[in-house]
Amino acid sequence: MPTPIPSHELTFRATRAGGPGGQHVNTSSTRVELWWDALGSPSLTEAERALLVEALGHRLDGDGWLRLVSAGTRSQLKNREAVTERFHTLVADALIPPKRRRKTKPPRSAAERRLKEKKRRSATKAERRRPPGDH
């Protein structure tokens, strides 16, 4: 079971949001940014950290911080709840280890079918060629 990330490790910042709003839309800070230090988190084991970097490496900045933003509603509280929910889902999905691939071999019938088709194709093309001695 993946380790839940405690809320004290998350940093929230409210900034001005664009989009729908009333007269005070340009002065209210309803957009919420969530920051989390993925590489420095004490809540993760080394194995979990490796899984996280593998899955979310492209989303981490140079210092190993994950940043998520929510500006879907005009309410700072709702945006905070939405971004927190998204964060927990993202981290939980990243901490699920990928399934190992089992090596398989194609069945003999498939190999025979492939060779038979190659011979048929070869014969078709051979029929299109000019007969030897016919210049």
C-alpha atoms as a PDB file:
ATOM      1  CA  MET A   1       0.000   0.000   0.000  1.00  0.00           C
ATOM      2  CA  PRO A   2       1.497   3.371  -0.992  1.00  0.00           C
ATOM      3  CA  THR A   3       2.364   5.798   1.756  1.00  0.00           C
ATOM      4  CA  PRO A   4      -0.133   8.675   2.073  1.00  0.00           C
ATOM      5  CA  ILE A   5       1.516  12.093   1.849  1.00  0.00           C
ATOM      6  CA  PRO A   6       0.798  14.203   4.954  1.00  0.00           C
ATOM      7  CA  SER A   7      -0.646  17.653   4.328  1.00  0.00           C
ATOM      8  CA  HIS A   8       2.188  19.413   6.190  1.00  0.00           C
ATOM      9  CA  GLU A   9       4.514  18.508   3.269  1.00  0.00           C
ATOM     10  CA  LEU A  10       2.322  20.402   0.792  1.00  0.00           C
ATOM     11  CA  THR A  11       2.781  24.116   0.148  1.00  0.00           C
ATOM     12  CA  PHE A  12      -0.120  26.122  -1.243  1.00  0.00           C
ATOM     13  CA  ARG A  13       0.040  29.516  -2.906  1.00  0.00           C
ATOM     14  CA  ALA A  14      -2.900  31.583  -4.102  1.00  0.00           C
ATOM     15  CA  THR A  15      -2.383  33.770  -7.159  1.00  0.00           C
ATOM     16  CA  ARG A  16      -4.563  35.890  -9.377  1.00  0.00           C
ATOM     17  CA  ALA A  17      -6.588  33.876 -11.824  1.00  0.00           C
ATOM     18  CA  GLY A  18      -7.865  34.755 -15.261  1.00  0.00           C
ATOM     19  CA  GLY A  19     -11.141  33.537 -16.649  1.00  0.00           C
ATOM     20  CA  PRO A  20     -14.725  34.069 -15.482  1.00  0.00           C
ATOM     21  CA  GLY A  21     -15.551  36.452 -12.680  1.00  0.00           C
ATOM     22  CA  GLY A  22     -17.257  39.619 -11.575  1.00  0.00           C
ATOM     23  CA  GLN A  23     -16.000  43.142 -10.984  1.00  0.00           C
ATOM     24  CA  HIS A  24     -13.288  42.096  -8.539  1.00  0.00           C
ATOM     25  CA  VAL A  25     -11.914  39.290 -10.745  1.00  0.00           C
ATOM     26  CA  ASN A  26      -8.552  40.970 -11.276  1.00  0.00           C
ATOM     27  CA  THR A  27      -7.927  41.553  -7.574  1.00  0.00           C
ATOM     28  CA  SER A  28      -8.993  38.261  -5.998  1.00  0.00           C
ATOM     29  CA  SER A  29      -6.465  35.449  -5.752  1.00  0.00           C
ATOM     30  CA  THR A  30      -8.500  32.341  -6.454  1.00  0.00           C
ATOM     31  CA  ARG A  31      -6.000  30.311  -8.490  1.00  0.00           C
ATOM     32  CA  VAL A  32      -4.224  27.793  -6.253  1.00  0.00           C
ATOM     33  CA  GLU A  33      -0.767  26.310  -6.800  1.00  0.00           C
ATOM     34  CA  LEU A  34       0.284  23.196  -4.916  1.00  0.00           C
ATOM     35  CA  TRP A  35       4.004  22.542  -4.443  1.00  0.00           C
ATOM     36  CA  TRP A  36       5.503  19.305  -3.110  1.00  0.00           C
ATOM     37  CA  ASP A  37       9.152  18.338  -2.722  1.00  0.00           C
ATOM     38  CA  ALA A  38       9.011  14.847  -4.218  1.00  0.00           C
ATOM     39  CA  LEU A  39      12.736  14.123  -3.947  1.00  0.00           C
ATOM     40  CA  GLY A  40      13.067  15.443  -0.396  1.00  0.00           C
ATOM     41  CA  SER A  41       9.879  13.991   1.057  1.00  0.00           C
ATOM     42  CA  PRO A  42      10.500  12.042   4.285  1.00  0.00           C
ATOM     43  CA  SER A  43       7.238  10.118   3.765  1.00  0.00           C
ATOM     44  CA  LEU A  44       8.566   8.048   0.868  1.00  0.00           C
ATOM     45  CA  THR A  45      10.816   5.010   0.922  1.00  0.00           C
ATOM     46  CA  GLU A  46      13.640   4.845  -1.632  1.00  0.00           C
ATOM     47  CA  ALA A  47      11.669   2.307  -3.685  1.00  0.00           C
ATOM     48  CA  GLU A  48       8.609   4.592  -3.725  1.00  0.00           C
ATOM     49  CA  ARG A  49      10.780   7.579  -4.633  1.00  0.00           C
ATOM     50  CA  ALA A  50      12.239   5.629  -7.583  1.00  0.00           C
ATOM     51  CA  LEU A  51       8.739   4.684  -8.794  1.00  0.00           C
ATOM     52  CA  LEU A  52       7.621   8.300  -8.459  1.00  0.00           C
ATOM     53  CA  VAL A  53      10.578   9.670 -10.407  1.00  0.00           C
ATOM     54  CA  GLU A  54       9.997   7.056 -13.113  1.00  0.00           C
ATOM     55  CA  ALA A  55       6.312   7.940 -13.465  1.00  0.00           C
ATOM     56  CA  LEU A  56       6.379  11.703 -12.795  1.00  0.00           C
ATOM     57  CA  GLY A  57       9.943  12.625 -13.742  1.00  0.00           C
ATOM     58  CA  HIS A  58       8.764  14.778 -16.645  1.00  0.00           C
ATOM     59  CA  ARG A  59       6.537  16.786 -14.269  1.00  0.00           C
ATOM     60  CA  LEU A  60       9.241  17.511 -11.691  1.00  0.00           C
ATOM     61  CA  ASP A  61      11.328  20.660 -11.942  1.00  0.00           C
ATOM     62  CA  GLY A  62      15.123  20.689 -11.703  1.00  0.00           C
ATOM     63  CA  ASP A  63      15.061  20.593  -7.893  1.00  0.00           C
ATOM     64  CA  GLY A  64      12.573  17.710  -7.708  1.00  0.00           C
ATOM     65  CA  TRP A  65       9.462  19.761  -6.884  1.00  0.00           C
ATOM     66  CA  LEU A  66       6.033  18.850  -8.252  1.00  0.00           C
ATOM     67  CA  ARG A  67       3.719  21.776  -9.081  1.00  0.00           C
ATOM     68  CA  LEU A  68      -0.003  21.473  -9.737  1.00  0.00           C
ATOM     69  CA  VAL A  69      -2.396  24.345 -10.462  1.00  0.00           C
ATOM     70  CA  SER A  70      -6.158  24.682 -10.172  1.00  0.00           C
ATOM     71  CA  ALA A  71      -8.139  27.689 -11.346  1.00  0.00           C
ATOM     72  CA  GLY A  72     -11.408  26.024 -12.355  1.00  0.00           C
ATOM     73  CA  THR A  73     -13.709  27.848  -9.957  1.00  0.00           C
ATOM     74  CA  ARG A  74     -13.981  31.339  -8.477  1.00  0.00           C
ATOM     75  CA  SER A  75     -13.577  29.910  -4.982  1.00  0.00           C
ATOM     76  CA  GLN A  76     -10.074  29.596  -3.553  1.00  0.00           C
ATOM     77  CA  LEU A  77     -11.245  26.852  -1.186  1.00  0.00           C
ATOM     78  CA  LYS A  78     -12.776  24.763  -3.998  1.00  0.00           C
ATOM     79  CA  ASN A  79      -9.654  25.189  -6.117  1.00  0.00           C
ATOM     80  CA  ARG A  80      -7.529  24.096  -3.154  1.00  0.00           C
ATOM     81  CA  GLU A  81      -9.687  20.990  -2.636  1.00  0.00           C
ATOM     82  CA  ALA A  82      -9.583  20.192  -6.369  1.00  0.00           C
ATOM     83  CA  VAL A  83      -5.804  20.493  -6.653  1.00  0.00           C
ATOM     84  CA  THR A  84      -5.297  18.433  -3.470  1.00  0.00           C
ATOM     85  CA  GLU A  85      -7.558  15.679  -4.806  1.00  0.00           C
ATOM     86  CA  ARG A  86      -5.705  15.712  -8.123  1.00  0.00           C
ATOM     87  CA  PHE A  87      -2.369  15.535  -6.304  1.00  0.00           C
ATOM     88  CA  HIS A  88      -3.370  12.511  -4.201  1.00  0.00           C
ATOM     89  CA  THR A  89      -4.703  10.686  -7.289  1.00  0.00           C
ATOM     90  CA  LEU A  90      -1.559  11.482  -9.281  1.00  0.00           C
ATOM     91  CA  VAL A  91       0.801  10.286  -6.544  1.00  0.00           C
ATOM     92  CA  ALA A  92      -1.256   7.150  -5.793  1.00  0.00           C
ATOM     93  CA  ASP A  93      -1.252   6.189  -9.490  1.00  0.00           C
ATOM     94  CA  ALA A  94       2.497   6.856  -9.758  1.00  0.00           C
ATOM     95  CA  LEU A  95       3.265   4.602  -6.784  1.00  0.00           C
ATOM     96  CA  ILE A  96       1.618   1.536  -8.337  1.00  0.00           C
ATOM     97  CA  PRO A  97       4.486  -0.618  -9.621  1.00  0.00           C
ATOM     98  CA  PRO A  98       4.260  -1.470 -13.328  1.00  0.00           C
ATOM     99  CA  LYS A  99       3.399  -5.060 -14.193  1.00  0.00           C
ATOM    100  CA  ARG A 100       6.337  -7.166 -15.285  1.00  0.00           C
ATOM    101  CA  ARG A 101       6.229  -8.335 -18.873  1.00  0.00           C
ATOM    102  CA  ARG A 102       6.163 -12.084 -19.328  1.00  0.00           C
ATOM    103  CA  LYS A 103       8.141 -13.312 -22.304  1.00  0.00           C
ATOM    104  CA  THR A 104       5.991 -15.192 -24.773  1.00  0.00           C
ATOM    105  CA  LYS A 105       6.704 -17.121 -27.941  1.00  0.00           C
ATOM    106  CA  PRO A 106       4.445 -17.072 -30.999  1.00  0.00           C
ATOM    107  CA  PRO A 107       2.660 -20.394 -31.568  1.00  0.00           C
ATOM    108  CA  ARG A 108       4.045 -22.747 -34.205  1.00  0.00           C
ATOM    109  CA  SER A 109       0.848 -22.369 -36.281  1.00  0.00           C
ATOM    110  CA  ALA A 110       1.438 -18.591 -36.522  1.00  0.00           C
ATOM    111  CA  ALA A 111       5.023 -19.116 -37.749  1.00  0.00           C
ATOM    112  CA  GLU A 112       3.865 -21.684 -40.304  1.00  0.00           C
ATOM    113  CA  ARG A 113       1.063 -19.372 -41.475  1.00  0.00           C
ATOM    114  CA  ARG A 114       3.565 -16.517 -41.912  1.00  0.00           C
ATOM    115  CA  LEU A 115       5.975 -18.683 -43.972  1.00  0.00           C
ATOM    116  CA  LYS A 116       3.115 -20.041 -46.090  1.00  0.00           C
ATOM    117  CA  GLU A 117       1.954 -16.470 -46.834  1.00  0.00           C
ATOM    118  CA  LYS A 118       5.537 -15.466 -47.752  1.00  0.00           C
ATOM    119  CA  LYS A 119       5.803 -18.367 -50.206  1.00  0.00           C
ATOM    120  CA  ARG A 120       2.421 -17.495 -51.760  1.00  0.00           C
ATOM    121  CA  ARG A 121       3.471 -13.860 -52.152  1.00  0.00           C
ATOM    122  CA  SER A 122       6.805 -14.887 -53.640  1.00  0.00           C
ATOM    123  CA  ALA A 123       5.055 -17.132 -56.185  1.00  0.00           C
ATOM    124  CA  THR A 124       2.680 -14.312 -57.171  1.00  0.00           C
ATOM    125  CA  LYS A 125       5.586 -11.957 -57.806  1.00  0.00           C
ATOM    126  CA  ALA A 126       7.556 -14.631 -59.656  1.00  0.00           C
ATOM    127  CA  GLU A 127       4.634 -15.035 -62.082  1.00  0.00           C
ATOM    128  CA  ARG A 128       4.822 -11.331 -62.917  1.00  0.00           C
ATOM    129  CA  ARG A 129       8.479 -11.546 -63.932  1.00  0.00           C
ATOM    130  CA  ARG A 130       9.580 -11.996 -67.516  1.00  0.00           C
ATOM    131  CA  PRO A 131      10.400 -15.623 -68.334  1.00  0.00           C
ATOM    132  CA  PRO A 132      14.131 -16.391 -68.740  1.00  0.00           C
ATOM    133  CA  GLY A 133      15.401 -15.982 -72.320  1.00  0.00           C
ATOM    134  CA  ASP A 134      12.579 -13.564 -73.190  1.00  0.00           C
ATOM    135  CA  HIS A 135      14.239 -10.220 -73.816  1.00  0.00           C
END
